[in-house]
């Protein structure tokens, strides 16, 4: 016969000595596993006379169930003990002061973009946007850029493999085309966004940078309106009343020169005369001339490509457009000498310029 009392005492002794769940699992395997003591006793039933097998089998089954209950009770006790130990170890002292937190902030380029958009929205401009992946038509053809123009070659433009008509826009003028093609005129619009050109990376060039595009299409628009708009804009940037200086015939640190762009006629480049004093860039007639933006009256071919010819009153459609690099503005305003800083991800640099 099976000595059940001896097995019961052995189980109780082994279980009582367990201090971890791992030790308890070992005891369970020793008694109830495939090669455990109870399992081996079950295998020996065939050696007993038939009249004893049923009785001994019932005893072993009861003992098996009893051992399971003993182990279960011990497991629950150990789990509760481990939980209490972990809670005590991980307890948070609410009397401690909180950890210092650094508030997030916008990137310098985002700050300047929002500042420029706010200025033009106050003047009645609508903020427009467009995709960075655009068509050859919107990026070149509609802007009166001829097929043989160097900008359309692969060494200057990122084309999409397998889709020759698709490219990463090289300027935000694509938004001008989309707007004029899909919105009624007259209209005043401004847009900002990333543009892409296949440039080597150095202190003044990057394959990705940001532009702001402004354009006005209204009856009676002339270059005088363009000049007034740009003087107000540059005065806002450099905190000078250039419009008042112009009206009073005072010398201005701004000049406009004839230039050429396929999408404007006449085309104008705008320079500012500036110097750096005390770590700040200031408009100064004793400084050096620096080109800051390009602009002009929108070319008639651009209007034609957008399906525009006249206003509702029958007068020919006309307007002006201007584009400026946002990195250029940031570099001028804050004395940043290397465009690569904007994209390097240096936390010290980002924290400094992000909190201006």
Protein backbone atom coordinates (compact mmCIF):
# COMPACT_ATOMS: atom_id res chain seq x y z
CA UNK A 1 0.00 0.00 0.00
CA UNK A 2 0.99 3.63 -0.61
CA UNK A 3 2.25 5.44 2.47
CA UNK A 4 0.01 8.51 1.97
CA UNK A 5 0.86 9.99 5.34
CA UNK A 6 4.56 10.01 4.53
CA UNK A 7 3.89 11.68 1.15
CA UNK A 8 1.59 14.25 2.75
CA UNK A 9 4.22 15.17 5.33
CA UNK A 10 6.87 15.37 2.62
CA UNK A 11 4.76 17.74 0.54
CA UNK A 12 3.92 19.97 3.50
CA UNK A 13 7.57 20.12 4.52
CA UNK A 14 8.81 20.91 1.02
CA UNK A 15 6.13 23.52 0.38
CA UNK A 16 6.65 25.25 3.74
CA UNK A 17 10.35 25.73 2.91
CA UNK A 18 9.60 27.47 -0.41
CA UNK A 19 10.29 31.21 -0.36
CA UNK A 20 9.89 31.92 -4.09
CA UNK A 21 7.53 30.90 -6.87
CA UNK A 22 10.44 29.23 -8.68
CA UNK A 23 11.12 26.95 -5.69
CA UNK A 24 7.42 26.12 -5.46
CA UNK A 25 7.34 25.16 -9.13
CA UNK A 26 10.23 22.76 -8.50
CA UNK A 27 8.29 21.09 -5.66
CA UNK A 28 5.23 20.78 -7.91
CA UNK A 29 7.28 19.05 -10.60
CA UNK A 30 8.88 16.73 -8.03
CA UNK A 31 5.49 15.47 -6.81
CA UNK A 32 3.07 15.97 -9.70
CA UNK A 33 5.24 16.16 -12.80
CA UNK A 34 5.59 13.49 -15.46
CA UNK A 35 8.38 11.89 -13.46
CA UNK A 36 7.03 13.02 -10.07
CA UNK A 37 6.41 10.79 -7.05
CA UNK A 38 2.62 10.63 -7.42
CA UNK A 39 2.89 9.95 -11.14
CA UNK A 40 5.32 7.10 -10.53
CA UNK A 41 2.98 5.62 -7.89
CA UNK A 42 0.16 5.76 -10.46
CA UNK A 43 2.32 3.78 -12.86
CA UNK A 44 2.84 1.07 -10.23
CA UNK A 45 -0.91 0.31 -9.98
CA UNK A 46 -0.50 -2.49 -12.50
CA UNK A 47 1.65 -4.38 -10.02
CA UNK A 48 -1.15 -4.61 -7.45
CA UNK A 49 -3.83 -7.34 -7.37
CA UNK A 50 -6.97 -6.31 -9.27
CA UNK A 51 -9.05 -6.06 -6.14
CA UNK A 52 -6.60 -3.42 -4.69
CA UNK A 53 -6.08 -1.29 -7.79
CA UNK A 54 -9.35 0.61 -7.43
CA UNK A 55 -8.82 1.38 -3.78
CA UNK A 56 -5.20 2.46 -4.18
CA UNK A 57 -6.05 4.50 -7.33
CA UNK A 58 -8.74 6.40 -5.44
CA UNK A 59 -6.28 7.12 -2.60
CA UNK A 60 -3.66 8.41 -5.07
CA UNK A 61 -6.20 10.63 -6.86
CA UNK A 62 -7.33 12.16 -3.57
CA UNK A 63 -3.70 12.71 -2.58
CA UNK A 64 -3.00 14.32 -5.99
CA UNK A 65 -5.90 16.74 -5.49
CA UNK A 66 -4.81 17.48 -1.93
CA UNK A 67 -1.25 18.27 -3.04
CA UNK A 68 -2.58 20.60 -5.75
CA UNK A 69 -4.60 22.51 -3.14
CA UNK A 70 -1.55 22.80 -0.84
CA UNK A 71 0.61 24.12 -3.69
CA UNK A 72 -2.14 26.50 -4.87
CA UNK A 73 -2.53 27.98 -1.39
CA UNK A 74 1.24 28.46 -1.10
CA UNK A 75 1.41 30.05 -4.55
CA UNK A 76 -1.27 32.57 -3.68
CA UNK A 77 0.56 33.43 -0.47
CA UNK A 78 3.89 33.88 -2.30
CA UNK A 79 2.29 36.00 -5.04
CA UNK A 80 0.68 38.25 -2.46
CA UNK A 81 3.98 38.55 -0.61
CA UNK A 82 5.89 39.43 -3.80
CA UNK A 83 3.23 42.01 -4.76
CA UNK A 84 3.50 43.67 -1.35
CA UNK A 85 7.29 43.77 -1.61
CA UNK A 86 7.14 45.29 -5.09
CA UNK A 87 4.58 47.89 -4.06
CA UNK A 88 6.71 48.85 -1.09
CA UNK A 89 9.77 49.13 -3.33
CA UNK A 90 8.00 51.15 -6.04
CA UNK A 91 6.08 53.39 -3.67
CA UNK A 92 6.14 57.01 -4.75
CA UNK A 93 6.90 59.60 -2.14
CA UNK A 94 4.31 62.25 -2.99
CA UNK A 95 6.05 64.72 -0.69
CA UNK A 96 9.00 64.96 -3.10
CA UNK A 97 9.10 67.86 -5.53
CA UNK A 98 8.36 67.01 -9.15
CA UNK A 99 11.12 66.53 -11.68
CA UNK A 100 12.04 69.64 -13.66
CA UNK A 101 10.29 69.82 -17.03
CA UNK A 102 11.44 71.70 -20.11
CA UNK A 103 8.59 73.15 -22.14
CA UNK A 104 8.61 72.39 -25.84
CA UNK A 105 8.87 75.14 -28.43
CA UNK A 106 8.64 75.71 -32.14
CA UNK A 107 11.63 75.46 -34.44
CA UNK A 108 13.06 78.82 -35.47
CA UNK A 109 11.86 78.35 -39.07
CA UNK A 110 8.34 77.64 -37.83
CA UNK A 111 8.42 80.73 -35.65
CA UNK A 112 9.43 82.97 -38.55
CA UNK A 113 6.93 81.35 -40.94
CA UNK A 114 4.09 81.99 -38.49
CA UNK A 115 5.27 85.55 -37.95
CA UNK A 116 5.25 86.24 -41.70
CA UNK A 117 1.87 84.60 -42.22
CA UNK A 118 0.39 86.64 -39.38
CA UNK A 119 1.63 89.86 -40.99
CA UNK A 120 0.13 89.07 -44.39
CA UNK A 121 -3.12 87.70 -42.96
CA UNK A 122 -3.59 91.08 -41.27
CA UNK A 123 -3.38 92.62 -44.77
CA UNK A 124 -6.17 90.43 -46.09
CA UNK A 125 -4.07 87.65 -47.65
CA UNK A 126 -5.39 84.09 -47.71
CA UNK A 127 -3.01 81.35 -46.58
CA UNK A 128 -2.73 78.71 -49.30
CA UNK A 129 -0.91 75.38 -49.35
CA UNK A 130 0.02 72.67 -51.82
CA UNK A 131 1.77 69.29 -52.02
CA UNK A 132 5.53 68.97 -51.93
CA UNK A 133 5.32 66.28 -54.63
CA UNK A 134 3.96 68.01 -57.73
CA UNK A 135 3.85 67.83 -61.52
CA UNK A 136 6.30 69.12 -64.10
CA UNK A 137 3.49 71.30 -65.44
CA UNK A 138 2.85 73.11 -62.15
CA UNK A 139 6.54 73.44 -61.33
CA UNK A 140 7.91 74.46 -64.74
CA UNK A 141 5.54 74.49 -67.71
CA UNK A 142 2.82 76.69 -66.25
CA UNK A 143 5.45 79.11 -64.92
CA UNK A 144 6.71 79.81 -68.44
CA UNK A 145 10.00 77.99 -67.83
CA UNK A 146 11.19 76.62 -71.21
CA UNK A 147 12.10 73.00 -71.84
CA UNK A 148 15.78 73.81 -72.26
CA UNK A 149 16.07 75.71 -68.95
CA UNK A 150 18.92 74.33 -66.75
CA UNK A 151 16.62 74.12 -63.71
CA UNK A 152 14.67 71.34 -65.42
CA UNK A 153 17.69 69.06 -65.63
CA UNK A 154 18.28 66.24 -63.17
CA UNK A 155 21.37 67.86 -61.67
CA UNK A 156 19.10 70.59 -60.30
CA UNK A 157 15.73 68.88 -59.70
CA UNK A 158 14.66 65.72 -57.88
CA UNK A 159 12.51 63.68 -60.27
CA UNK A 160 10.58 60.60 -59.17
CA UNK A 161 11.86 57.30 -60.57
CA UNK A 162 9.28 55.68 -62.83
CA UNK A 163 7.13 58.84 -62.94
CA UNK A 164 8.87 61.38 -65.20
CA UNK A 165 6.07 63.91 -64.76
CA UNK A 166 6.44 63.92 -60.96
CA UNK A 167 9.05 65.82 -58.98
CA UNK A 168 9.74 67.44 -55.63
CA UNK A 169 8.77 71.08 -56.05
CA UNK A 170 11.72 73.42 -56.49
CA UNK A 171 9.79 76.52 -55.33
CA UNK A 172 6.48 77.41 -53.71
CA UNK A 173 5.36 79.01 -56.98
CA UNK A 174 3.57 75.71 -57.65
CA UNK A 175 1.03 76.88 -55.06
CA UNK A 176 0.51 80.04 -57.11
CA UNK A 177 -0.33 77.92 -60.16
CA UNK A 178 -2.71 75.68 -58.21
CA UNK A 179 -4.43 78.67 -56.63
CA UNK A 180 -4.89 80.63 -59.87
CA UNK A 181 -6.13 77.49 -61.64
CA UNK A 182 -8.73 76.60 -59.00
CA UNK A 183 -9.84 79.86 -57.37
CA UNK A 184 -11.66 82.93 -58.56
CA UNK A 185 -9.83 86.22 -58.98
CA UNK A 186 -9.24 88.81 -57.62
CA UNK A 187 -7.24 87.17 -54.86
CA UNK A 188 -4.45 87.92 -52.39
CA UNK A 189 -2.57 84.84 -51.22
CA UNK A 190 0.49 83.85 -49.22
CA UNK A 191 2.09 80.45 -48.70
CA UNK A 192 5.09 78.91 -46.99
CA UNK A 193 6.62 75.48 -47.29
CA UNK A 194 9.61 73.27 -47.95
CA UNK A 195 11.19 73.15 -51.39
CA UNK A 196 13.86 70.83 -52.80
CA UNK A 197 16.81 71.31 -55.11
CA UNK A 198 19.68 69.01 -55.98
CA UNK A 199 22.33 71.22 -54.38
CA UNK A 200 25.55 70.20 -52.68
CA UNK A 201 25.43 70.79 -48.94
CA UNK A 202 27.56 73.67 -47.66
CA UNK A 203 27.20 76.72 -45.44
CA UNK A 204 24.76 78.46 -47.79
CA UNK A 205 23.13 75.58 -49.72
CA UNK A 206 20.90 72.69 -48.72
CA UNK A 207 18.85 70.19 -50.75
CA UNK A 208 15.86 71.20 -48.64
CA UNK A 209 14.94 74.72 -47.56
CA UNK A 210 11.82 76.85 -47.10
CA UNK A 211 10.22 79.65 -49.06
CA UNK A 212 7.41 82.14 -48.69
CA UNK A 213 5.39 83.09 -51.77
CA UNK A 214 3.07 86.09 -51.96
CA UNK A 215 0.94 87.02 -54.95
CA UNK A 216 -1.82 89.51 -55.62
CA UNK A 217 -4.14 89.38 -58.64
CA UNK A 218 -6.49 92.38 -58.71
CA UNK A 219 -7.67 94.96 -61.25
CA UNK A 220 -5.36 97.95 -61.62
CA UNK A 221 -2.36 96.32 -59.90
CA UNK A 222 0.96 97.94 -60.85
CA UNK A 223 4.61 97.79 -59.80
CA UNK A 224 3.84 100.69 -57.44
CA UNK A 225 1.60 98.37 -55.43
CA UNK A 226 4.35 95.74 -55.47
CA UNK A 227 6.89 98.25 -54.18
CA UNK A 228 4.59 99.47 -51.42
CA UNK A 229 3.83 95.90 -50.32
CA UNK A 230 7.51 94.93 -50.20
CA UNK A 231 8.58 98.05 -48.35
CA UNK A 232 5.95 97.38 -45.70
CA UNK A 233 7.05 93.76 -45.48
CA UNK A 234 10.79 94.55 -45.19
CA UNK A 235 10.08 97.32 -42.70
CA UNK A 236 8.15 94.79 -40.61
CA UNK A 237 11.07 92.37 -40.77
CA UNK A 238 13.73 94.89 -39.76
CA UNK A 239 11.55 97.12 -37.56
CA UNK A 240 11.86 100.23 -39.73
CA UNK A 241 9.16 102.37 -41.33
CA UNK A 242 10.45 102.14 -44.90
CA UNK A 243 7.13 103.31 -46.36
CA UNK A 244 7.34 106.58 -44.43
CA UNK A 245 10.97 107.03 -45.46
CA UNK A 246 10.00 106.52 -49.10
CA UNK A 247 7.10 108.99 -48.91
CA UNK A 248 9.37 111.60 -47.30
CA UNK A 249 12.05 111.07 -49.95
CA UNK A 250 14.53 109.93 -47.32
CA UNK A 251 17.39 107.65 -48.42
CA UNK A 252 16.39 104.03 -47.88
CA UNK A 253 18.60 100.98 -47.26
CA UNK A 254 16.59 99.14 -49.93
CA UNK A 255 17.05 99.07 -53.69
CA UNK A 256 15.21 97.36 -56.52
CA UNK A 257 17.10 96.24 -59.62
CA UNK A 258 15.86 94.93 -62.96
CA UNK A 259 16.32 91.18 -63.32
CA UNK A 260 14.90 88.24 -65.27
CA UNK A 261 12.61 85.43 -64.20
CA UNK A 262 10.58 83.44 -66.76
CA UNK A 263 7.38 83.82 -64.73
CA UNK A 264 7.42 87.60 -64.20
CA UNK A 265 7.67 90.59 -66.54
CA UNK A 266 9.11 92.96 -65.54
CA UNK A 267 11.24 91.10 -63.02
CA UNK A 268 12.89 92.72 -60.02
CA UNK A 269 15.47 91.72 -57.44
CA UNK A 270 15.42 93.47 -54.08
CA UNK A 271 18.59 94.21 -52.11
CA UNK A 272 18.98 95.53 -48.59
CA UNK A 273 21.95 97.53 -47.34
CA UNK A 274 22.86 96.14 -43.96
CA UNK A 275 25.61 95.90 -41.41
CA UNK A 276 26.11 93.81 -38.31
CA UNK A 277 26.56 95.73 -35.09
CA UNK A 278 26.53 94.33 -31.56
CA UNK A 279 25.61 90.91 -32.88
CA UNK A 280 22.49 92.17 -34.70
CA UNK A 281 21.79 92.73 -38.37
CA UNK A 282 20.61 96.29 -39.01
CA UNK A 283 19.59 98.09 -42.14
CA UNK A 284 22.32 100.66 -42.62
CA UNK A 285 23.20 102.82 -45.62
CA UNK A 286 26.85 102.45 -44.66
CA UNK A 287 26.70 98.66 -44.88
CA UNK A 288 26.87 96.23 -47.82
CA UNK A 289 24.14 95.42 -50.33
CA UNK A 290 22.66 91.95 -50.02
CA UNK A 291 20.05 90.37 -52.33
CA UNK A 292 17.07 89.19 -50.29
CA UNK A 293 14.18 88.34 -52.64
CA UNK A 294 12.91 88.20 -56.22
CA UNK A 295 9.61 89.55 -57.47
CA UNK A 296 7.79 91.08 -60.44
CA UNK A 297 4.55 91.38 -62.33
CA UNK A 298 3.12 87.96 -63.18
CA UNK A 299 3.87 87.05 -66.81
CA UNK A 300 0.80 86.94 -69.14
CA UNK A 301 1.78 83.41 -70.17
CA UNK A 302 1.37 82.26 -66.55
CA UNK A 303 -2.20 83.60 -66.48
CA UNK A 304 -2.89 81.94 -69.82
CA UNK A 305 -1.57 78.59 -68.54
CA UNK A 306 -3.92 78.91 -65.54
CA UNK A 307 -6.93 79.60 -67.78
CA UNK A 308 -7.18 83.29 -66.89
CA UNK A 309 -7.47 86.18 -69.34
CA UNK A 310 -9.75 88.88 -67.94
CA UNK A 311 -11.49 89.89 -64.73
CA UNK A 312 -15.27 89.85 -64.52
CA UNK A 313 -15.40 93.46 -65.64
CA UNK A 314 -13.55 92.55 -68.83
CA UNK A 315 -10.22 94.17 -67.95
CA UNK A 316 -7.08 92.10 -68.56
CA UNK A 317 -6.00 90.06 -65.58
CA UNK A 318 -2.80 91.25 -63.93
CA UNK A 319 -0.98 90.93 -60.63
CA UNK A 320 2.39 90.64 -58.90
CA UNK A 321 4.29 87.88 -57.11
CA UNK A 322 7.32 87.70 -54.81
CA UNK A 323 9.31 84.91 -53.24
CA UNK A 324 11.77 84.91 -50.34
CA UNK A 325 13.77 82.23 -48.57
CA UNK A 326 12.79 81.81 -44.92
CA UNK A 327 16.25 80.49 -43.97
CA UNK A 328 17.73 83.63 -45.53
CA UNK A 329 15.53 85.82 -43.33
CA UNK A 330 16.48 83.84 -40.21
CA UNK A 331 20.18 83.95 -41.04
CA UNK A 332 20.07 87.70 -41.62
CA UNK A 333 18.02 88.49 -38.54
CA UNK A 334 19.95 86.33 -36.06
CA UNK A 335 23.43 86.27 -37.58
CA UNK A 336 23.37 82.55 -38.38
CA UNK A 337 26.25 81.82 -40.73
CA UNK A 338 25.59 78.19 -41.68
CA UNK A 339 22.29 76.87 -43.09
CA UNK A 340 23.19 73.38 -41.92
CA UNK A 341 22.46 74.39 -38.31
CA UNK A 342 18.73 74.41 -39.12
CA UNK A 343 18.77 70.67 -39.85
CA UNK A 344 21.60 69.31 -37.67
CA UNK A 345 19.33 68.53 -34.71
CA UNK A 346 21.75 70.03 -32.18
CA UNK A 347 19.69 70.34 -28.97
CA UNK A 348 21.71 73.24 -27.60
CA UNK A 349 21.18 75.20 -30.83
CA UNK A 350 17.49 74.26 -31.01
CA UNK A 351 16.86 75.23 -27.41
CA UNK A 352 18.59 78.59 -27.86
CA UNK A 353 16.82 79.64 -31.05
CA UNK A 354 13.55 77.93 -30.15
CA UNK A 355 13.00 80.26 -27.22
CA UNK A 356 13.57 83.57 -28.95
